[in-house]
């Protein structure tokens, strides 16, 4: 089972907010996930990025790969270099 850390979209039309989740890569974008580790809200100024650093590092240590967008968010949050 390949595990990814990626965004799951929520919110209304034209007003998105995202959950940062650990998910099997075969599941649909907003489908079942293993664990929720944070959230991202691009509509706020500045954008809100909340990530549980311990859980993110734990999952990456287990082999979970972050998508490009989530990797950029983790860098902005100061978790990954």
N, C-alpha and C. Protein backbone atom coordinates (compact mmCIF):
# COMPACT_ATOMS: atom_id res chain seq x y z
N UNK A 1 0.84 -1.18 0.00
CA UNK A 1 0.00 0.00 0.00
C UNK A 1 0.89 1.24 0.00
N UNK A 2 0.75 2.07 -1.02
CA UNK A 2 1.51 3.31 -1.10
C UNK A 2 0.73 4.42 -0.41
N UNK A 3 1.38 5.10 0.53
CA UNK A 3 0.72 6.13 1.32
C UNK A 3 1.26 7.49 0.93
N UNK A 4 0.35 8.46 0.80
CA UNK A 4 0.72 9.82 0.45
C UNK A 4 0.15 10.79 1.47
N UNK A 5 0.84 11.90 1.64
CA UNK A 5 0.32 13.01 2.42
C UNK A 5 -0.14 14.03 1.40
N UNK A 6 -1.45 14.33 1.39
CA UNK A 6 -1.98 15.21 0.37
C UNK A 6 -3.15 16.02 0.88
N UNK A 7 -3.68 16.88 0.03
CA UNK A 7 -4.78 17.76 0.39
C UNK A 7 -6.12 17.14 0.03
N UNK A 8 -7.10 17.31 0.92
CA UNK A 8 -8.49 16.93 0.66
C UNK A 8 -9.30 18.22 0.72
N UNK A 9 -10.05 18.51 -0.32
CA UNK A 9 -10.75 19.79 -0.43
C UNK A 9 -12.06 19.78 0.34
N UNK A 10 -12.35 20.91 0.93
CA UNK A 10 -13.62 21.12 1.62
C UNK A 10 -14.08 22.54 1.32
N UNK A 11 -15.18 22.94 1.88
CA UNK A 11 -15.65 24.29 1.68
C UNK A 11 -16.63 24.40 0.52
N UNK A 12 -17.03 25.63 0.29
CA UNK A 12 -18.02 25.88 -0.75
C UNK A 12 -17.34 26.26 -2.07
N UNK A 13 -18.16 26.40 -3.08
CA UNK A 13 -17.69 26.86 -4.38
C UNK A 13 -17.04 28.23 -4.21
N UNK A 14 -15.87 28.42 -4.79
CA UNK A 14 -15.10 29.67 -4.74
C UNK A 14 -14.58 30.02 -3.33
N UNK A 15 -14.75 29.14 -2.36
CA UNK A 15 -14.26 29.39 -1.00
C UNK A 15 -13.67 28.10 -0.43
N UNK A 16 -12.56 27.64 -0.98
CA UNK A 16 -12.02 26.35 -0.56
C UNK A 16 -11.27 26.43 0.77
N UNK A 17 -11.25 25.32 1.47
CA UNK A 17 -10.29 25.09 2.54
C UNK A 17 -9.91 23.62 2.43
N UNK A 18 -8.74 23.28 2.90
CA UNK A 18 -8.20 21.95 2.68
C UNK A 18 -7.79 21.31 4.00
N UNK A 19 -7.94 19.99 4.06
CA UNK A 19 -7.38 19.20 5.16
C UNK A 19 -6.11 18.56 4.63
N UNK A 20 -5.09 18.51 5.44
CA UNK A 20 -3.87 17.79 5.08
C UNK A 20 -4.02 16.40 5.69
N UNK A 21 -4.08 15.38 4.82
CA UNK A 21 -4.39 14.04 5.27
C UNK A 21 -3.35 13.03 4.80
N UNK A 22 -3.27 11.94 5.53
CA UNK A 22 -2.47 10.78 5.13
C UNK A 22 -3.47 9.80 4.52
N UNK A 23 -3.19 9.38 3.27
CA UNK A 23 -4.18 8.63 2.52
C UNK A 23 -3.50 7.63 1.59
N UNK A 24 -4.17 6.51 1.39
CA UNK A 24 -3.73 5.55 0.37
C UNK A 24 -3.87 6.24 -0.98
N UNK A 25 -2.85 6.15 -1.81
CA UNK A 25 -2.87 6.89 -3.08
C UNK A 25 -3.96 6.43 -4.04
N UNK A 26 -4.54 5.25 -3.80
CA UNK A 26 -5.59 4.75 -4.70
C UNK A 26 -6.96 5.31 -4.38
N UNK A 27 -7.11 5.95 -3.22
CA UNK A 27 -8.39 6.53 -2.81
C UNK A 27 -8.64 7.84 -3.56
N UNK A 28 -9.92 8.21 -3.75
CA UNK A 28 -10.21 9.49 -4.40
C UNK A 28 -9.78 10.67 -3.51
N UNK A 29 -9.64 11.83 -4.12
CA UNK A 29 -9.11 13.01 -3.43
C UNK A 29 -9.82 13.31 -2.12
N UNK A 30 -11.14 13.28 -2.12
CA UNK A 30 -11.90 13.60 -0.92
C UNK A 30 -12.46 12.36 -0.24
N UNK A 31 -11.88 11.21 -0.55
CA UNK A 31 -12.39 9.95 -0.02
C UNK A 31 -11.83 9.61 1.35
N UNK A 32 -11.88 8.32 1.66
CA UNK A 32 -11.45 7.82 2.96
C UNK A 32 -9.96 8.10 3.18
N UNK A 33 -9.61 8.51 4.38
CA UNK A 33 -8.21 8.76 4.69
C UNK A 33 -7.82 8.04 5.97
N UNK A 34 -6.51 7.91 6.19
CA UNK A 34 -6.00 7.20 7.35
C UNK A 34 -5.98 8.12 8.57
N UNK A 35 -5.42 9.33 8.38
CA UNK A 35 -5.31 10.26 9.50
C UNK A 35 -5.26 11.69 8.98
N UNK A 36 -5.88 12.59 9.72
CA UNK A 36 -5.83 14.02 9.40
C UNK A 36 -4.72 14.64 10.23
N UNK A 37 -3.77 15.32 9.57
CA UNK A 37 -2.63 15.86 10.31
C UNK A 37 -2.56 17.38 10.27
N UNK A 38 -3.48 18.03 9.57
CA UNK A 38 -3.44 19.49 9.56
C UNK A 38 -4.51 20.08 8.68
N UNK A 39 -4.42 21.42 8.51
CA UNK A 39 -5.35 22.10 7.61
C UNK A 39 -4.66 23.28 6.95
N UNK A 40 -5.24 23.70 5.83
CA UNK A 40 -4.71 24.80 5.04
C UNK A 40 -5.89 25.61 4.52
N UNK A 41 -5.86 26.92 4.78
CA UNK A 41 -6.93 27.80 4.32
C UNK A 41 -6.32 28.94 3.52
N UNK A 42 -6.39 28.86 2.18
CA UNK A 42 -5.78 29.88 1.33
C UNK A 42 -6.59 31.17 1.25
N UNK A 43 -7.83 31.18 1.76
CA UNK A 43 -8.66 32.37 1.63
C UNK A 43 -8.33 33.43 2.67
N UNK A 44 -7.65 33.05 3.75
CA UNK A 44 -7.27 34.02 4.76
C UNK A 44 -6.04 34.79 4.30
N UNK A 45 -5.83 35.95 4.90
CA UNK A 45 -4.66 36.76 4.56
C UNK A 45 -3.88 37.04 5.83
N UNK A 46 -2.70 36.46 6.05
CA UNK A 46 -1.99 35.48 5.23
C UNK A 46 -2.64 34.09 5.34
N UNK A 47 -2.29 33.23 4.42
CA UNK A 47 -2.86 31.88 4.39
C UNK A 47 -2.59 31.14 5.69
N UNK A 48 -3.58 30.41 6.15
CA UNK A 48 -3.47 29.64 7.38
C UNK A 48 -2.92 28.26 7.06
N UNK A 49 -1.81 27.90 7.73
CA UNK A 49 -1.23 26.57 7.58
C UNK A 49 -1.02 26.01 8.98
N UNK A 50 -1.75 24.96 9.33
CA UNK A 50 -1.59 24.30 10.62
C UNK A 50 -1.28 22.83 10.35
N UNK A 51 -0.14 22.38 10.87
CA UNK A 51 0.26 20.98 10.66
C UNK A 51 0.78 20.44 11.99
N UNK A 52 0.38 19.23 12.34
CA UNK A 52 0.92 18.54 13.50
C UNK A 52 2.30 18.01 13.10
N UNK A 53 3.33 18.68 13.56
CA UNK A 53 4.70 18.37 13.13
C UNK A 53 5.11 16.95 13.49
N UNK A 54 4.74 16.49 14.70
CA UNK A 54 5.12 15.14 15.12
C UNK A 54 4.51 14.07 14.22
N UNK A 55 3.22 14.23 13.91
CA UNK A 55 2.55 13.24 13.06
C UNK A 55 3.11 13.27 11.64
N UNK A 56 3.40 14.46 11.12
CA UNK A 56 3.95 14.56 9.77
C UNK A 56 5.31 13.87 9.69
N UNK A 57 6.16 14.12 10.65
CA UNK A 57 7.48 13.48 10.66
C UNK A 57 7.37 11.97 10.86
N UNK A 58 6.42 11.56 11.72
CA UNK A 58 6.22 10.14 11.95
C UNK A 58 5.81 9.42 10.66
N UNK A 59 4.85 9.99 9.93
CA UNK A 59 4.39 9.36 8.69
C UNK A 59 5.47 9.37 7.62
N UNK A 60 6.23 10.46 7.52
CA UNK A 60 7.31 10.49 6.53
C UNK A 60 8.40 9.50 6.90
N UNK A 61 8.61 9.29 8.19
CA UNK A 61 9.55 8.28 8.64
C UNK A 61 9.11 6.87 8.29
N UNK A 62 7.79 6.66 8.22
CA UNK A 62 7.24 5.36 7.85
C UNK A 62 7.22 5.16 6.34
N UNK A 63 7.57 6.20 5.57
CA UNK A 63 7.64 6.04 4.12
C UNK A 63 6.57 6.78 3.34
N UNK A 64 5.73 7.56 3.99
CA UNK A 64 4.70 8.31 3.27
C UNK A 64 5.37 9.43 2.47
N UNK A 65 4.93 9.61 1.25
CA UNK A 65 5.49 10.65 0.38
C UNK A 65 4.50 11.82 0.33
N UNK A 66 5.00 13.02 0.52
CA UNK A 66 4.15 14.21 0.41
C UNK A 66 4.06 14.63 -1.05
N UNK A 67 2.88 15.10 -1.45
CA UNK A 67 2.73 15.62 -2.81
C UNK A 67 3.52 16.94 -2.90
N UNK A 68 3.69 17.43 -4.11
CA UNK A 68 4.47 18.65 -4.33
C UNK A 68 3.87 19.83 -3.56
N UNK A 69 2.55 19.97 -3.61
CA UNK A 69 1.89 21.08 -2.93
C UNK A 69 2.05 20.97 -1.42
N UNK A 70 1.84 19.79 -0.87
CA UNK A 70 1.98 19.60 0.57
C UNK A 70 3.43 19.80 0.98
N UNK A 71 4.37 19.35 0.18
CA UNK A 71 5.79 19.56 0.49
C UNK A 71 6.09 21.06 0.59
N UNK A 72 5.55 21.86 -0.34
CA UNK A 72 5.74 23.30 -0.29
C UNK A 72 5.12 23.90 0.98
N UNK A 73 3.95 23.41 1.37
CA UNK A 73 3.31 23.90 2.59
C UNK A 73 4.12 23.52 3.82
N UNK A 74 4.69 22.32 3.84
CA UNK A 74 5.52 21.90 4.96
C UNK A 74 6.78 22.75 5.07
N UNK A 75 7.34 23.13 3.95
CA UNK A 75 8.52 24.01 3.96
C UNK A 75 8.13 25.38 4.52
N UNK A 76 6.98 25.91 4.10
CA UNK A 76 6.52 27.21 4.63
C UNK A 76 6.25 27.14 6.12
N UNK A 77 5.77 25.99 6.60
CA UNK A 77 5.49 25.82 8.02
C UNK A 77 6.77 25.53 8.82
N UNK A 78 7.89 25.29 8.13
CA UNK A 78 9.16 25.06 8.80
C UNK A 78 9.36 23.64 9.25
N UNK A 79 8.64 22.69 8.68
CA UNK A 79 8.74 21.29 9.08
C UNK A 79 9.74 20.53 8.23
N UNK A 80 9.74 20.78 6.94
CA UNK A 80 10.61 20.05 6.01
C UNK A 80 11.50 21.06 5.29
N UNK A 81 12.72 20.63 4.98
CA UNK A 81 13.63 21.51 4.25
C UNK A 81 13.78 21.08 2.82
